[in-house]
């Protein structure tokens, strides 16, 4: 019931939640080669998770995982899992700047090489496929080769509206 009340308050007050992803390719010496920026869907489970933080439902030490897969079905707010998850990695760093949360994941030379189509951030999960609460989902083709390091940075921004 409290989740429904919080969702209604967020809607009435015009609070918006925006998600953005940066895929930052670097060579093995650390020089940035390319940066691709995309916006994504914040899922309903992601909104529920944010609401749960307001009532201290989770501890302060919540693990975040990047999941990657081969599914191509369009992202929707109702998504709770990736369509075809095949890779998962725990977060490397997280911080907050005002109302923006920044999550970073580093895929090293021999990690996650190949072609990928879908991505999600899972909170309060484990390294096991499908575990945790899906915060957001993005569907876009991205490739990674073994001669690059890929930094995946996900930003979630809360803002007030009219």
Protein backbone atom coordinates (compact mmCIF):
# COMPACT_ATOMS: atom_id res chain seq x y z
CA UNK A 1 0.00 0.00 0.00
CA UNK A 2 2.82 2.43 0.86
CA UNK A 3 4.34 1.85 -2.61
CA UNK A 4 1.05 2.86 -4.22
CA UNK A 5 0.89 6.01 -2.08
CA UNK A 6 4.50 6.92 -2.90
CA UNK A 7 3.92 6.33 -6.62
CA UNK A 8 0.85 8.57 -6.50
CA UNK A 9 2.77 11.30 -4.65
CA UNK A 10 5.62 11.09 -7.18
CA UNK A 11 3.09 11.39 -10.02
CA UNK A 12 1.16 14.29 -8.49
CA UNK A 13 4.30 16.26 -7.66
CA UNK A 14 5.69 15.76 -11.15
CA UNK A 15 8.89 13.99 -10.16
CA UNK A 16 10.63 12.52 -13.20
CA UNK A 17 13.22 9.73 -13.36
CA UNK A 18 15.58 9.67 -16.34
CA UNK A 19 18.10 7.00 -17.29
CA UNK A 20 21.15 7.40 -19.53
CA UNK A 21 23.90 4.98 -20.50
CA UNK A 22 27.41 5.77 -21.75
CA UNK A 23 29.44 3.05 -23.46
CA UNK A 24 33.03 4.34 -23.34
CA UNK A 25 35.59 2.43 -25.40
CA UNK A 26 39.27 2.77 -24.48
CA UNK A 27 42.39 1.19 -25.93
CA UNK A 28 44.59 -0.94 -23.70
CA UNK A 29 46.65 2.15 -22.76
CA UNK A 30 43.54 3.88 -21.38
CA UNK A 31 42.96 6.35 -24.22
CA UNK A 32 39.29 6.96 -25.01
CA UNK A 33 38.43 5.82 -28.54
CA UNK A 34 34.67 6.30 -28.71
CA UNK A 35 31.67 7.19 -26.52
CA UNK A 36 28.08 6.17 -27.27
CA UNK A 37 25.26 7.69 -25.18
CA UNK A 38 21.74 6.24 -25.05
CA UNK A 39 18.61 6.83 -22.97
CA UNK A 40 16.72 3.94 -21.45
CA UNK A 41 13.52 2.78 -19.77
CA UNK A 42 13.33 2.96 -15.98
CA UNK A 43 11.25 -0.11 -15.15
CA UNK A 44 8.36 -0.26 -12.73
CA UNK A 45 10.45 -2.53 -10.50
CA UNK A 46 13.11 0.20 -10.61
CA UNK A 47 10.58 2.81 -9.46
CA UNK A 48 9.38 0.41 -6.75
CA UNK A 49 12.99 -0.07 -5.64
CA UNK A 50 13.55 3.71 -5.41
CA UNK A 51 10.37 3.99 -3.32
CA UNK A 52 11.58 1.18 -1.04
CA UNK A 53 14.73 3.16 -0.30
CA UNK A 54 12.60 5.96 1.17
CA UNK A 55 11.39 3.62 3.91
CA UNK A 56 14.76 1.91 4.53
CA UNK A 57 13.58 -1.45 3.19
CA UNK A 58 17.15 -2.24 2.07
CA UNK A 59 20.45 -1.92 3.88
CA UNK A 60 23.05 0.65 2.81
CA UNK A 61 25.20 -2.03 1.20
CA UNK A 62 23.09 -2.92 -1.85
CA UNK A 63 24.99 -4.69 -4.65
CA UNK A 64 24.36 -3.53 -8.22
CA UNK A 65 25.02 -5.74 -11.25
CA UNK A 66 25.28 -5.03 -14.95
CA UNK A 67 23.60 -7.76 -17.00
CA UNK A 68 24.04 -8.13 -20.77
CA UNK A 69 22.20 -10.32 -23.22
CA UNK A 70 21.23 -11.07 -26.80
CA UNK A 71 17.49 -10.27 -26.64
CA UNK A 72 16.09 -7.74 -29.10
CA UNK A 73 12.55 -7.21 -27.83
CA UNK A 74 11.78 -3.54 -27.17
CA UNK A 75 12.25 -2.39 -23.56
CA UNK A 76 9.07 -1.66 -21.59
CA UNK A 77 8.33 -0.29 -18.14
CA UNK A 78 6.95 -3.74 -17.17
CA UNK A 79 10.25 -5.58 -17.83
CA UNK A 80 11.62 -7.47 -14.84
CA UNK A 81 14.35 -9.52 -16.56
CA UNK A 82 16.46 -9.42 -19.69
CA UNK A 83 15.05 -11.44 -22.55
CA UNK A 84 18.26 -13.50 -23.01
CA UNK A 85 20.79 -12.70 -20.24
CA UNK A 86 24.28 -14.12 -20.88
CA UNK A 87 26.73 -12.01 -18.85
CA UNK A 88 26.71 -10.34 -15.42
CA UNK A 89 29.25 -8.25 -13.53
CA UNK A 90 29.19 -6.48 -10.16
CA UNK A 91 29.54 -2.71 -9.97
CA UNK A 92 33.00 -1.12 -9.86
CA UNK A 93 31.97 2.28 -8.44
CA UNK A 94 28.92 4.28 -7.48
CA UNK A 95 28.36 7.85 -6.40
CA UNK A 96 25.71 10.53 -6.14
CA UNK A 97 25.90 14.11 -7.39
CA UNK A 98 22.84 16.00 -6.20
CA UNK A 99 19.85 14.05 -7.52
CA UNK A 100 21.91 12.03 -10.03
CA UNK A 101 23.16 8.52 -9.27
CA UNK A 102 26.18 7.33 -11.28
CA UNK A 103 26.98 3.60 -11.56
CA UNK A 104 30.15 2.41 -13.34
CA UNK A 105 31.15 -1.01 -14.61
CA UNK A 106 34.47 -1.88 -16.27
CA UNK A 107 34.68 -4.68 -18.84
CA UNK A 108 38.34 -5.59 -19.19
CA UNK A 109 40.24 -6.90 -22.20
CA UNK A 110 39.04 -10.51 -21.90
CA UNK A 111 35.51 -9.85 -20.59
CA UNK A 112 32.22 -9.74 -22.50
CA UNK A 113 33.79 -9.77 -25.96
CA UNK A 114 31.31 -10.07 -28.79
CA UNK A 115 28.02 -8.56 -29.90
CA UNK A 116 25.37 -7.55 -27.35
CA UNK A 117 21.81 -6.25 -27.75
CA UNK A 118 20.28 -5.70 -24.29
CA UNK A 119 21.48 -4.39 -20.94
CA UNK A 120 20.01 -4.01 -17.48
CA UNK A 121 21.00 -2.88 -14.02
CA UNK A 122 19.91 -5.12 -11.17
CA UNK A 123 19.92 -4.05 -7.52
CA UNK A 124 20.00 -6.31 -4.47
CA UNK A 125 20.88 -9.33 -6.61
CA UNK A 126 23.77 -11.75 -6.94
CA UNK A 127 26.02 -12.94 -9.76
CA UNK A 128 23.27 -15.42 -10.69
CA UNK A 129 21.28 -14.74 -13.83
CA UNK A 130 17.89 -13.15 -13.19
CA UNK A 131 18.52 -12.25 -9.54
CA UNK A 132 17.69 -8.87 -8.05
CA UNK A 133 15.37 -6.01 -8.92
CA UNK A 134 15.68 -4.69 -12.48
CA UNK A 135 16.19 -0.92 -12.27
CA UNK A 136 16.37 -0.17 -15.97
CA UNK A 137 16.69 -1.79 -19.39
CA UNK A 138 18.25 -0.69 -22.65
CA UNK A 139 18.08 -2.39 -26.04
CA UNK A 140 20.74 -1.25 -28.54
CA UNK A 141 23.51 -3.08 -30.41
CA UNK A 142 26.99 -2.75 -28.88
CA UNK A 143 30.09 -4.78 -29.72
CA UNK A 144 33.25 -5.28 -27.70
CA UNK A 145 36.58 -6.62 -28.94
CA UNK A 146 39.47 -8.05 -26.91
CA UNK A 147 41.70 -5.08 -27.79
CA UNK A 148 39.43 -2.65 -25.89
CA UNK A 149 38.27 -1.89 -22.39
CA UNK A 150 34.62 -0.88 -22.15
CA UNK A 151 33.38 1.36 -19.36
CA UNK A 152 29.63 1.25 -18.94
CA UNK A 153 28.33 4.25 -17.01
CA UNK A 154 24.68 4.43 -16.07
CA UNK A 155 23.16 7.67 -14.75
CA UNK A 156 19.77 7.84 -13.08
CA UNK A 157 18.54 11.38 -12.50
CA UNK A 158 15.54 12.43 -10.42
CA UNK A 159 14.05 15.86 -11.16
CA UNK A 160 11.01 17.91 -10.27
CA UNK A 161 8.47 18.87 -12.88
CA UNK A 162 5.59 21.25 -13.26
